[in-house]
N, C-alpha and C. Protein backbone atom coordinates (compact mmCIF):
# COMPACT_ATOMS: atom_id res chain seq x y z
N MET A 1 38.03 -21.49 43.11
CA MET A 1 38.70 -21.40 41.81
C MET A 1 39.71 -20.27 41.82
N LYS A 2 40.88 -20.51 41.27
CA LYS A 2 41.93 -19.50 41.15
C LYS A 2 41.86 -18.89 39.75
N VAL A 3 41.59 -17.59 39.70
CA VAL A 3 41.37 -16.92 38.42
C VAL A 3 42.36 -15.77 38.26
N GLY A 4 43.06 -15.76 37.14
CA GLY A 4 43.93 -14.65 36.79
C GLY A 4 43.20 -13.68 35.90
N ILE A 5 43.30 -12.39 36.20
CA ILE A 5 42.71 -11.35 35.36
C ILE A 5 43.82 -10.72 34.54
N MET A 6 43.67 -10.78 33.23
CA MET A 6 44.65 -10.20 32.31
C MET A 6 44.02 -8.95 31.72
N GLY A 7 44.31 -7.81 32.34
CA GLY A 7 43.73 -6.56 31.86
C GLY A 7 44.64 -5.89 30.85
N GLY A 8 44.07 -5.00 30.07
CA GLY A 8 44.87 -4.26 29.09
C GLY A 8 44.00 -3.66 28.01
N THR A 9 44.59 -2.79 27.23
CA THR A 9 43.85 -2.21 26.11
C THR A 9 43.72 -3.22 24.97
N PHE A 10 44.76 -4.05 24.79
CA PHE A 10 44.77 -5.06 23.72
C PHE A 10 44.48 -4.41 22.37
N ASP A 11 45.37 -3.48 22.01
CA ASP A 11 45.14 -2.63 20.84
C ASP A 11 46.33 -2.67 19.86
N PRO A 12 46.64 -3.85 19.28
CA PRO A 12 45.93 -5.12 19.37
C PRO A 12 46.55 -6.07 20.41
N LEU A 13 45.81 -7.12 20.72
CA LEU A 13 46.37 -8.21 21.51
C LEU A 13 47.48 -8.87 20.70
N HIS A 14 48.60 -9.20 21.36
CA HIS A 14 49.72 -9.82 20.64
C HIS A 14 50.23 -11.05 21.38
N ILE A 15 51.24 -11.72 20.80
CA ILE A 15 51.69 -12.98 21.38
C ILE A 15 52.32 -12.79 22.76
N GLY A 16 52.84 -11.59 23.04
CA GLY A 16 53.36 -11.33 24.37
C GLY A 16 52.28 -11.41 25.43
N HIS A 17 51.09 -10.90 25.13
CA HIS A 17 49.96 -11.02 26.05
C HIS A 17 49.62 -12.49 26.31
N MET A 18 49.56 -13.25 25.24
CA MET A 18 49.21 -14.67 25.36
C MET A 18 50.26 -15.43 26.17
N MET A 19 51.53 -15.14 25.91
CA MET A 19 52.61 -15.81 26.62
C MET A 19 52.60 -15.45 28.10
N ALA A 20 52.31 -14.18 28.42
CA ALA A 20 52.26 -13.76 29.81
C ALA A 20 51.12 -14.46 30.55
N ALA A 21 49.96 -14.54 29.90
CA ALA A 21 48.82 -15.21 30.52
C ALA A 21 49.11 -16.68 30.76
N GLU A 22 49.74 -17.32 29.80
CA GLU A 22 50.06 -18.75 29.94
C GLU A 22 51.14 -18.97 31.00
N ALA A 23 52.13 -18.06 31.07
CA ALA A 23 53.18 -18.18 32.08
C ALA A 23 52.59 -18.05 33.48
N ALA A 24 51.68 -17.10 33.67
CA ALA A 24 51.04 -16.93 34.97
C ALA A 24 50.17 -18.13 35.32
N ARG A 25 49.42 -18.61 34.34
CA ARG A 25 48.55 -19.78 34.58
C ARG A 25 49.36 -20.99 34.96
N ASP A 26 50.44 -21.23 34.24
CA ASP A 26 51.26 -22.41 34.46
C ASP A 26 52.03 -22.31 35.79
N THR A 27 52.60 -21.15 36.08
CA THR A 27 53.44 -20.99 37.27
C THR A 27 52.63 -21.09 38.55
N TYR A 28 51.42 -20.55 38.56
CA TYR A 28 50.64 -20.50 39.79
C TYR A 28 49.38 -21.35 39.73
N SER A 29 49.35 -22.30 38.80
CA SER A 29 48.26 -23.29 38.70
C SER A 29 46.89 -22.62 38.72
N LEU A 30 46.74 -21.57 37.92
CA LEU A 30 45.45 -20.89 37.83
C LEU A 30 44.47 -21.79 37.08
N ASP A 31 43.24 -21.81 37.54
CA ASP A 31 42.22 -22.60 36.86
C ASP A 31 41.79 -21.94 35.55
N GLU A 32 41.71 -20.61 35.58
CA GLU A 32 41.32 -19.89 34.38
C GLU A 32 42.04 -18.54 34.33
N VAL A 33 42.14 -17.98 33.14
CA VAL A 33 42.60 -16.60 32.96
C VAL A 33 41.52 -15.87 32.17
N TRP A 34 41.07 -14.75 32.73
CA TRP A 34 40.04 -13.95 32.07
C TRP A 34 40.70 -12.71 31.47
N PHE A 35 40.62 -12.56 30.17
CA PHE A 35 41.15 -11.39 29.47
C PHE A 35 40.10 -10.28 29.55
N MET A 36 40.51 -9.12 30.05
CA MET A 36 39.56 -8.04 30.31
C MET A 36 40.01 -6.77 29.59
N PRO A 37 39.55 -6.55 28.35
CA PRO A 37 39.91 -5.31 27.65
C PRO A 37 39.34 -4.10 28.38
N SER A 38 40.16 -3.08 28.54
CA SER A 38 39.70 -1.85 29.19
C SER A 38 39.03 -0.95 28.17
N HIS A 39 38.18 -0.07 28.66
CA HIS A 39 37.56 0.90 27.77
C HIS A 39 38.55 2.04 27.52
N ILE A 40 38.84 2.82 28.56
CA ILE A 40 39.89 3.83 28.49
C ILE A 40 40.74 3.67 29.75
N PRO A 41 41.95 3.13 29.65
CA PRO A 41 42.77 2.96 30.85
C PRO A 41 43.24 4.29 31.40
N PRO A 42 43.40 4.40 32.73
CA PRO A 42 43.78 5.69 33.32
C PRO A 42 45.11 6.23 32.82
N HIS A 43 46.04 5.34 32.43
CA HIS A 43 47.40 5.76 32.11
C HIS A 43 47.66 5.92 30.62
N LYS A 44 46.62 5.75 29.78
CA LYS A 44 46.82 5.85 28.33
C LYS A 44 45.74 6.69 27.70
N HIS A 45 45.99 7.07 26.44
CA HIS A 45 44.96 7.75 25.67
C HIS A 45 43.94 6.72 25.18
N GLU A 46 42.87 7.23 24.63
CA GLU A 46 41.84 6.34 24.10
C GLU A 46 42.43 5.41 23.04
N ALA A 47 41.93 4.20 22.99
CA ALA A 47 42.48 3.18 22.10
C ALA A 47 42.28 3.57 20.63
N GLY A 48 43.14 2.99 19.77
CA GLY A 48 43.04 3.23 18.35
C GLY A 48 41.89 2.48 17.72
N ALA A 49 41.67 1.23 18.15
CA ALA A 49 40.56 0.43 17.66
C ALA A 49 39.38 0.55 18.62
N SER A 50 38.20 0.37 18.12
CA SER A 50 37.00 0.48 18.95
C SER A 50 36.94 -0.64 19.98
N GLY A 51 36.13 -0.43 21.00
CA GLY A 51 35.93 -1.48 22.00
C GLY A 51 35.41 -2.75 21.38
N ALA A 52 34.49 -2.62 20.42
CA ALA A 52 33.93 -3.80 19.77
C ALA A 52 35.01 -4.57 19.01
N ASP A 53 35.89 -3.84 18.31
CA ASP A 53 36.95 -4.50 17.57
C ASP A 53 37.94 -5.18 18.52
N ARG A 54 38.29 -4.51 19.61
CA ARG A 54 39.25 -5.10 20.54
C ARG A 54 38.67 -6.33 21.24
N LEU A 55 37.38 -6.27 21.58
CA LEU A 55 36.72 -7.45 22.14
C LEU A 55 36.74 -8.60 21.15
N ALA A 56 36.44 -8.31 19.89
CA ALA A 56 36.41 -9.35 18.87
C ALA A 56 37.78 -9.98 18.66
N MET A 57 38.84 -9.14 18.68
CA MET A 57 40.19 -9.68 18.51
C MET A 57 40.56 -10.60 19.66
N VAL A 58 40.27 -10.17 20.90
CA VAL A 58 40.59 -11.00 22.06
C VAL A 58 39.77 -12.30 22.02
N GLN A 59 38.49 -12.17 21.71
CA GLN A 59 37.62 -13.35 21.66
C GLN A 59 38.14 -14.36 20.65
N SER A 60 38.57 -13.88 19.49
CA SER A 60 39.06 -14.79 18.46
C SER A 60 40.33 -15.51 18.90
N ALA A 61 41.14 -14.83 19.72
CA ALA A 61 42.42 -15.41 20.15
C ALA A 61 42.26 -16.42 21.27
N VAL A 62 41.29 -16.21 22.16
CA VAL A 62 41.20 -17.07 23.36
C VAL A 62 40.25 -18.24 23.20
N GLU A 63 39.42 -18.24 22.18
CA GLU A 63 38.36 -19.24 22.11
C GLU A 63 38.89 -20.66 21.94
N GLY A 64 40.13 -20.82 21.51
CA GLY A 64 40.67 -22.17 21.36
C GLY A 64 41.37 -22.70 22.60
N HIS A 65 41.45 -21.91 23.66
CA HIS A 65 42.16 -22.31 24.88
C HIS A 65 41.14 -22.64 25.96
N GLU A 66 41.25 -23.84 26.53
CA GLU A 66 40.24 -24.29 27.47
C GLU A 66 40.20 -23.47 28.76
N ALA A 67 41.29 -22.78 29.10
CA ALA A 67 41.34 -22.03 30.36
C ALA A 67 41.26 -20.52 30.16
N PHE A 68 41.27 -20.06 28.90
CA PHE A 68 41.22 -18.63 28.62
C PHE A 68 39.80 -18.20 28.28
N HIS A 69 39.37 -17.09 28.86
CA HIS A 69 38.03 -16.56 28.62
C HIS A 69 38.11 -15.03 28.51
N ILE A 70 37.00 -14.42 28.14
CA ILE A 70 36.97 -12.97 27.98
C ILE A 70 35.95 -12.37 28.93
N LEU A 71 36.29 -11.21 29.49
CA LEU A 71 35.41 -10.48 30.40
C LEU A 71 35.21 -9.09 29.79
N ASP A 72 33.97 -8.78 29.43
CA ASP A 72 33.71 -7.54 28.69
C ASP A 72 33.21 -6.40 29.58
N TRP A 73 33.31 -6.55 30.89
CA TRP A 73 32.68 -5.60 31.81
C TRP A 73 33.15 -4.17 31.62
N GLU A 74 34.46 -3.95 31.44
CA GLU A 74 34.96 -2.58 31.36
C GLU A 74 34.55 -1.91 30.05
N ILE A 75 34.51 -2.67 28.97
CA ILE A 75 34.04 -2.12 27.70
C ILE A 75 32.57 -1.75 27.81
N VAL A 76 31.77 -2.62 28.40
CA VAL A 76 30.33 -2.37 28.54
C VAL A 76 30.08 -1.19 29.47
N ARG A 77 30.86 -1.08 30.55
CA ARG A 77 30.65 0.00 31.51
C ARG A 77 31.01 1.36 30.92
N GLY A 78 32.04 1.40 30.06
CA GLY A 78 32.46 2.64 29.45
C GLY A 78 33.24 3.53 30.41
N GLY A 79 33.62 4.70 29.94
CA GLY A 79 34.37 5.63 30.77
C GLY A 79 35.79 5.15 31.04
N VAL A 80 36.46 5.80 31.99
CA VAL A 80 37.81 5.40 32.37
C VAL A 80 37.73 4.12 33.19
N SER A 81 38.57 3.15 32.86
CA SER A 81 38.52 1.83 33.48
C SER A 81 39.47 1.77 34.68
N TYR A 82 38.91 1.85 35.87
CA TYR A 82 39.71 1.70 37.09
C TYR A 82 39.58 0.26 37.59
N THR A 83 40.71 -0.38 37.79
CA THR A 83 40.71 -1.78 38.21
C THR A 83 39.93 -1.98 39.50
N ILE A 84 40.04 -1.04 40.43
CA ILE A 84 39.37 -1.21 41.71
C ILE A 84 37.86 -1.34 41.54
N ASP A 85 37.27 -0.61 40.59
CA ASP A 85 35.83 -0.70 40.36
C ASP A 85 35.45 -2.09 39.86
N THR A 86 36.26 -2.61 38.95
CA THR A 86 35.99 -3.93 38.40
C THR A 86 36.18 -5.01 39.47
N VAL A 87 37.20 -4.87 40.29
CA VAL A 87 37.45 -5.86 41.35
C VAL A 87 36.30 -5.88 42.35
N HIS A 88 35.74 -4.72 42.67
CA HIS A 88 34.57 -4.69 43.55
C HIS A 88 33.45 -5.54 42.96
N SER A 89 33.20 -5.38 41.67
CA SER A 89 32.15 -6.14 41.00
C SER A 89 32.47 -7.63 40.97
N LEU A 90 33.74 -7.96 40.71
CA LEU A 90 34.14 -9.36 40.67
C LEU A 90 33.92 -10.04 42.01
N LYS A 91 34.28 -9.36 43.09
CA LYS A 91 34.14 -9.96 44.42
C LYS A 91 32.67 -10.12 44.81
N GLU A 92 31.82 -9.24 44.28
CA GLU A 92 30.39 -9.36 44.56
C GLU A 92 29.78 -10.54 43.81
N VAL A 93 30.17 -10.70 42.55
CA VAL A 93 29.57 -11.75 41.71
C VAL A 93 30.22 -13.10 41.97
N TYR A 94 31.53 -13.11 42.25
CA TYR A 94 32.27 -14.36 42.45
C TYR A 94 33.00 -14.34 43.79
N PRO A 95 32.26 -14.29 44.91
CA PRO A 95 32.92 -14.18 46.22
C PRO A 95 33.78 -15.39 46.56
N GLN A 96 33.51 -16.53 45.92
CA GLN A 96 34.24 -17.75 46.24
C GLN A 96 35.56 -17.87 45.48
N HIS A 97 35.80 -17.00 44.50
CA HIS A 97 37.01 -17.10 43.67
C HIS A 97 38.20 -16.40 44.33
N GLU A 98 39.38 -16.92 44.07
CA GLU A 98 40.63 -16.28 44.48
C GLU A 98 41.22 -15.60 43.25
N PHE A 99 41.33 -14.27 43.28
CA PHE A 99 41.72 -13.53 42.10
C PHE A 99 43.19 -13.11 42.14
N TYR A 100 43.80 -13.18 40.97
CA TYR A 100 45.16 -12.70 40.73
C TYR A 100 45.08 -11.71 39.57
N PHE A 101 45.88 -10.66 39.62
CA PHE A 101 45.89 -9.70 38.52
C PHE A 101 47.25 -9.77 37.85
N ILE A 102 47.26 -10.08 36.55
CA ILE A 102 48.50 -10.30 35.80
C ILE A 102 48.95 -8.99 35.16
N VAL A 103 50.18 -8.58 35.45
CA VAL A 103 50.69 -7.32 34.92
C VAL A 103 52.12 -7.51 34.41
N GLY A 104 52.52 -6.67 33.47
CA GLY A 104 53.90 -6.67 32.99
C GLY A 104 54.80 -5.95 33.97
N ALA A 105 56.10 -6.11 33.78
CA ALA A 105 57.07 -5.51 34.68
C ALA A 105 56.93 -4.00 34.74
N ASP A 106 56.59 -3.38 33.61
CA ASP A 106 56.44 -1.91 33.61
C ASP A 106 55.30 -1.49 34.52
N MET A 107 54.26 -2.30 34.57
CA MET A 107 53.13 -1.97 35.44
C MET A 107 53.42 -2.27 36.91
N VAL A 108 54.28 -3.25 37.18
CA VAL A 108 54.67 -3.53 38.57
C VAL A 108 55.28 -2.28 39.18
N GLU A 109 56.16 -1.62 38.45
CA GLU A 109 56.79 -0.41 38.95
C GLU A 109 55.78 0.72 39.15
N TYR A 110 54.69 0.69 38.41
CA TYR A 110 53.68 1.74 38.45
C TYR A 110 52.61 1.49 39.52
N LEU A 111 52.62 0.31 40.15
CA LEU A 111 51.56 -0.06 41.09
C LEU A 111 51.33 0.96 42.20
N PRO A 112 52.36 1.57 42.78
CA PRO A 112 52.09 2.55 43.85
C PRO A 112 51.19 3.70 43.42
N LYS A 113 51.10 3.95 42.10
CA LYS A 113 50.28 5.06 41.59
C LYS A 113 48.87 4.61 41.20
N TRP A 114 48.59 3.31 41.30
CA TRP A 114 47.27 2.82 40.91
C TRP A 114 46.20 3.37 41.84
N HIS A 115 45.07 3.72 41.27
CA HIS A 115 43.93 4.18 42.05
C HIS A 115 43.42 3.04 42.94
N GLY A 116 43.36 3.28 44.23
CA GLY A 116 42.84 2.27 45.15
C GLY A 116 43.78 1.12 45.44
N ILE A 117 45.09 1.34 45.27
CA ILE A 117 46.04 0.23 45.42
C ILE A 117 46.01 -0.35 46.83
N GLU A 118 45.78 0.48 47.85
CA GLU A 118 45.75 -0.04 49.23
C GLU A 118 44.65 -1.09 49.39
N GLU A 119 43.51 -0.84 48.77
CA GLU A 119 42.41 -1.79 48.83
C GLU A 119 42.67 -3.00 47.93
N LEU A 120 43.24 -2.75 46.76
CA LEU A 120 43.49 -3.85 45.82
C LEU A 120 44.38 -4.93 46.42
N VAL A 121 45.49 -4.52 47.06
CA VAL A 121 46.41 -5.53 47.60
C VAL A 121 45.79 -6.28 48.76
N GLY A 122 44.67 -5.77 49.28
CA GLY A 122 43.99 -6.49 50.35
C GLY A 122 43.08 -7.59 49.85
N VAL A 123 42.74 -7.56 48.55
CA VAL A 123 41.76 -8.53 48.05
C VAL A 123 42.29 -9.41 46.92
N LEU A 124 43.49 -9.09 46.40
CA LEU A 124 44.04 -9.95 45.35
C LEU A 124 45.56 -9.90 45.36
N THR A 125 46.16 -10.81 44.61
CA THR A 125 47.61 -10.87 44.45
C THR A 125 47.96 -10.49 43.02
N PHE A 126 49.01 -9.72 42.86
CA PHE A 126 49.50 -9.36 41.53
C PHE A 126 50.56 -10.37 41.08
N ILE A 127 50.46 -10.80 39.84
CA ILE A 127 51.49 -11.64 39.23
C ILE A 127 52.24 -10.77 38.23
N GLY A 128 53.51 -10.51 38.52
CA GLY A 128 54.33 -9.70 37.63
C GLY A 128 55.09 -10.57 36.65
N VAL A 129 54.95 -10.27 35.37
CA VAL A 129 55.60 -11.06 34.32
C VAL A 129 56.68 -10.21 33.66
N GLY A 130 57.88 -10.75 33.56
CA GLY A 130 59.02 -10.02 33.04
C GLY A 130 58.86 -9.59 31.60
N ARG A 131 59.42 -8.40 31.27
CA ARG A 131 59.43 -7.90 29.91
C ARG A 131 60.84 -7.43 29.59
N PRO A 132 61.22 -7.44 28.31
CA PRO A 132 62.57 -7.03 27.93
C PRO A 132 62.91 -5.62 28.41
N GLY A 133 64.08 -5.48 29.02
CA GLY A 133 64.57 -4.17 29.42
C GLY A 133 63.93 -3.59 30.65
N THR A 134 63.03 -4.34 31.30
CA THR A 134 62.37 -3.83 32.50
C THR A 134 62.52 -4.85 33.62
N PRO A 135 63.58 -4.77 34.41
CA PRO A 135 63.78 -5.73 35.50
C PRO A 135 62.72 -5.55 36.58
N LEU A 136 62.33 -6.67 37.18
CA LEU A 136 61.34 -6.63 38.24
C LEU A 136 62.05 -6.48 39.59
N ASP A 137 62.02 -5.28 40.13
CA ASP A 137 62.69 -4.99 41.39
C ASP A 137 61.64 -4.74 42.47
N LEU A 138 61.26 -5.81 43.16
CA LEU A 138 60.22 -5.67 44.17
C LEU A 138 60.70 -4.85 45.36
N ALA A 139 62.01 -4.79 45.58
CA ALA A 139 62.54 -4.03 46.70
C ALA A 139 62.27 -2.53 46.55
N ALA A 140 62.00 -2.10 45.33
CA ALA A 140 61.73 -0.68 45.10
C ALA A 140 60.28 -0.31 45.43
N LEU A 141 59.45 -1.31 45.71
CA LEU A 141 58.05 -1.05 46.02
C LEU A 141 57.84 -0.88 47.51
N PRO A 142 56.83 -0.13 47.92
CA PRO A 142 56.46 -0.11 49.33
C PRO A 142 56.18 -1.53 49.82
N GLY A 143 56.52 -1.80 51.05
CA GLY A 143 56.40 -3.17 51.56
C GLY A 143 55.02 -3.76 51.46
N PHE A 144 53.97 -2.95 51.70
CA PHE A 144 52.61 -3.49 51.68
C PHE A 144 52.19 -3.93 50.28
N ILE A 145 52.84 -3.36 49.24
CA ILE A 145 52.58 -3.79 47.87
C ILE A 145 53.47 -4.98 47.51
N ALA A 146 54.75 -4.89 47.84
CA ALA A 146 55.71 -5.94 47.47
C ALA A 146 55.29 -7.30 48.00
N GLU A 147 54.71 -7.33 49.18
CA GLU A 147 54.33 -8.62 49.76
C GLU A 147 53.13 -9.25 49.07
N LYS A 148 52.45 -8.50 48.21
CA LYS A 148 51.32 -9.03 47.45
C LYS A 148 51.62 -9.13 45.96
N VAL A 149 52.92 -9.16 45.60
CA VAL A 149 53.35 -9.33 44.21
C VAL A 149 54.21 -10.58 44.13
N VAL A 150 53.84 -11.48 43.24
CA VAL A 150 54.65 -12.67 42.95
C VAL A 150 55.10 -12.59 41.50
N LEU A 151 56.11 -13.32 41.15
CA LEU A 151 56.72 -13.20 39.83
C LEU A 151 56.54 -14.47 39.00
N ALA A 152 56.46 -14.29 37.70
CA ALA A 152 56.39 -15.41 36.76
C ALA A 152 57.39 -15.15 35.65
N ASP A 153 58.09 -16.19 35.25
CA ASP A 153 59.06 -16.09 34.17
C ASP A 153 58.42 -16.43 32.84
N MET A 154 58.85 -15.76 31.80
CA MET A 154 58.43 -16.10 30.45
C MET A 154 59.55 -15.72 29.50
N PRO A 155 59.63 -16.38 28.34
CA PRO A 155 60.62 -15.95 27.35
C PRO A 155 60.40 -14.48 27.00
N LEU A 156 61.46 -13.74 26.90
CA LEU A 156 61.35 -12.31 26.64
C LEU A 156 61.06 -12.05 25.16
N VAL A 157 59.96 -11.40 24.90
CA VAL A 157 59.54 -11.06 23.54
C VAL A 157 59.33 -9.56 23.49
N ASP A 158 60.14 -8.89 22.70
CA ASP A 158 60.11 -7.43 22.66
C ASP A 158 59.08 -6.95 21.64
N ILE A 159 57.80 -7.11 22.00
CA ILE A 159 56.69 -6.71 21.14
C ILE A 159 55.75 -5.86 21.98
N SER A 160 55.28 -4.77 21.42
CA SER A 160 54.29 -3.94 22.09
C SER A 160 53.18 -3.60 21.11
N SER A 161 52.02 -3.29 21.64
CA SER A 161 50.91 -2.89 20.78
C SER A 161 51.23 -1.60 20.03
N THR A 162 51.94 -0.69 20.69
CA THR A 162 52.33 0.56 20.04
C THR A 162 53.19 0.29 18.81
N MET A 163 54.15 -0.59 18.96
CA MET A 163 55.02 -0.95 17.84
C MET A 163 54.22 -1.61 16.71
N LEU A 164 53.27 -2.46 17.07
CA LEU A 164 52.48 -3.15 16.05
C LEU A 164 51.59 -2.17 15.28
N ARG A 165 51.01 -1.22 15.99
CA ARG A 165 50.18 -0.22 15.30
C ARG A 165 51.04 0.59 14.33
N SER A 166 52.25 0.94 14.75
CA SER A 166 53.15 1.70 13.89
C SER A 166 53.54 0.91 12.66
N ARG A 167 53.86 -0.36 12.85
CA ARG A 167 54.22 -1.22 11.71
C ARG A 167 53.06 -1.32 10.72
N ALA A 168 51.87 -1.56 11.25
CA ALA A 168 50.71 -1.71 10.38
C ALA A 168 50.44 -0.43 9.60
N ALA A 169 50.56 0.71 10.30
CA ALA A 169 50.28 1.99 9.66
C ALA A 169 51.27 2.30 8.54
N SER A 170 52.49 1.76 8.65
CA SER A 170 53.50 2.00 7.62
C SER A 170 53.53 0.90 6.57
N GLY A 171 52.55 -0.01 6.65
CA GLY A 171 52.44 -1.05 5.65
C GLY A 171 53.31 -2.26 5.88
N ARG A 172 53.91 -2.37 7.06
CA ARG A 172 54.78 -3.51 7.36
C ARG A 172 53.96 -4.63 8.01
N SER A 173 54.42 -5.85 7.86
CA SER A 173 53.69 -7.01 8.34
C SER A 173 53.74 -7.12 9.86
N ILE A 174 52.62 -7.55 10.46
CA ILE A 174 52.59 -7.89 11.88
C ILE A 174 52.26 -9.38 12.07
N ARG A 175 52.29 -10.11 10.97
CA ARG A 175 51.97 -11.53 11.06
C ARG A 175 52.97 -12.25 11.95
N TYR A 176 52.46 -13.22 12.73
CA TYR A 176 53.22 -14.01 13.69
C TYR A 176 53.62 -13.23 14.94
N MET A 177 53.38 -11.92 14.95
CA MET A 177 53.57 -11.13 16.17
C MET A 177 52.27 -11.06 16.96
N VAL A 178 51.18 -11.36 16.31
CA VAL A 178 49.87 -11.47 16.93
C VAL A 178 49.34 -12.88 16.63
N PRO A 179 48.40 -13.39 17.45
CA PRO A 179 47.80 -14.68 17.10
C PRO A 179 47.21 -14.63 15.69
N GLU A 180 47.23 -15.74 15.00
CA GLU A 180 46.78 -15.76 13.61
C GLU A 180 45.35 -15.25 13.46
N GLN A 181 44.49 -15.58 14.45
CA GLN A 181 43.11 -15.12 14.38
C GLN A 181 43.03 -13.60 14.46
N VAL A 182 43.92 -13.00 15.27
CA VAL A 182 43.96 -11.54 15.38
C VAL A 182 44.47 -10.92 14.09
N TYR A 183 45.51 -11.53 13.52
CA TYR A 183 46.04 -11.05 12.25
C TYR A 183 44.96 -11.05 11.18
N GLU A 184 44.21 -12.13 11.10
CA GLU A 184 43.15 -12.22 10.09
C GLU A 184 42.07 -11.17 10.33
N TYR A 185 41.76 -10.91 11.61
CA TYR A 185 40.74 -9.90 11.92
C TYR A 185 41.22 -8.51 11.52
N VAL A 186 42.48 -8.19 11.83
CA VAL A 186 43.04 -6.89 11.47
C VAL A 186 43.02 -6.71 9.95
N GLN A 187 43.43 -7.75 9.23
CA GLN A 187 43.45 -7.70 7.78
C GLN A 187 42.04 -7.50 7.21
N ARG A 188 41.12 -8.29 7.74
CA ARG A 188 39.74 -8.27 7.23
C ARG A 188 39.05 -6.93 7.52
N SER A 189 39.36 -6.35 8.70
CA SER A 189 38.68 -5.14 9.14
C SER A 189 39.39 -3.86 8.72
N GLY A 190 40.63 -3.98 8.23
CA GLY A 190 41.38 -2.81 7.84
C GLY A 190 41.77 -1.91 9.00
N LEU A 191 42.07 -2.52 10.15
CA LEU A 191 42.46 -1.74 11.32
C LEU A 191 43.89 -1.22 11.20
N TYR A 192 44.17 -0.15 11.94
CA TYR A 192 45.52 0.41 12.08
C TYR A 192 46.14 0.87 10.74
N GLY A 193 45.28 1.29 9.83
CA GLY A 193 45.79 1.82 8.58
C GLY A 193 45.95 0.81 7.47
N LEU A 194 45.69 -0.47 7.75
CA LEU A 194 45.76 -1.46 6.69
C LEU A 194 44.53 -1.37 5.80
N GLN A 195 44.70 -1.68 4.54
CA GLN A 195 43.56 -1.72 3.63
C GLN A 195 42.76 -2.99 3.90
N PRO A 196 41.44 -2.86 4.05
CA PRO A 196 40.64 -4.06 4.32
C PRO A 196 40.81 -5.10 3.22
N ARG A 197 40.85 -6.35 3.67
CA ARG A 197 40.93 -7.46 2.71
C ARG A 197 39.77 -8.39 2.96
N SER A 198 39.13 -8.80 1.89
CA SER A 198 38.01 -9.73 2.03
C SER A 198 38.55 -11.11 2.33
N ALA A 199 37.72 -11.94 2.97
CA ALA A 199 38.12 -13.30 3.27
C ALA A 199 38.24 -14.10 1.98
N ASP A 200 39.24 -14.99 1.93
CA ASP A 200 39.42 -15.83 0.74
C ASP A 200 38.32 -16.89 0.66
C-alpha cells in the first residue's frame, strides 16, 4: 500500500491542507493519506488549540473522504514531535507499506535542517506541494535529499493557519477558508478568540 503522511500542527486545518493532500494522492496514486497532527513541532511554538481540539478538527474534516484518515500518534506521545521517531514506529507497525511524506514548498527548503534527514530519505520519499510565493527549487538541495523529493502541482491558495488565527481573533470570518466541519467546530468551541456558539 502507498501511504502519504500529511504532518502538521493543523491549528487550524484549512482548505490548503486538504488540497495538498488530494494533489499528492492524485498525482502519485496514493492508496491513502494519513493526517498526523503534531504535538509540538520542532520549528514552531506550542499550538494555540489543544491537541484534543486539533485532532477533533482534523477528524471532522477527513471522515467523509474514503482515502483520508487520521493518525494520532504524535499527540498521544506528547513532547516535541520529530518525524524520524514517528517514521521508525510506522515502519515497525506497517513494514509492508510504502510511505511518502507530504510537505509544502517552504518545508522542502527546510529539509536539510530536519532532525534525522539522512535516515528519513533512506526510508521514504517526500512529496513537495507548491505554495504561493515559494518556488520549489530542488537544485538548491543537497543531492541526496533532492533525489528523494518529487513534486505535485495544486492550485495556489494563499491561506495559512497563522492568518486564520489572526482573522478569528479580530472577529473576521474564516468560513470557506477551512472545511465546513472545521468552521463549525471552531464556532461551537470558541477557538482562536471567537465567542462560543451553540449548535442550532
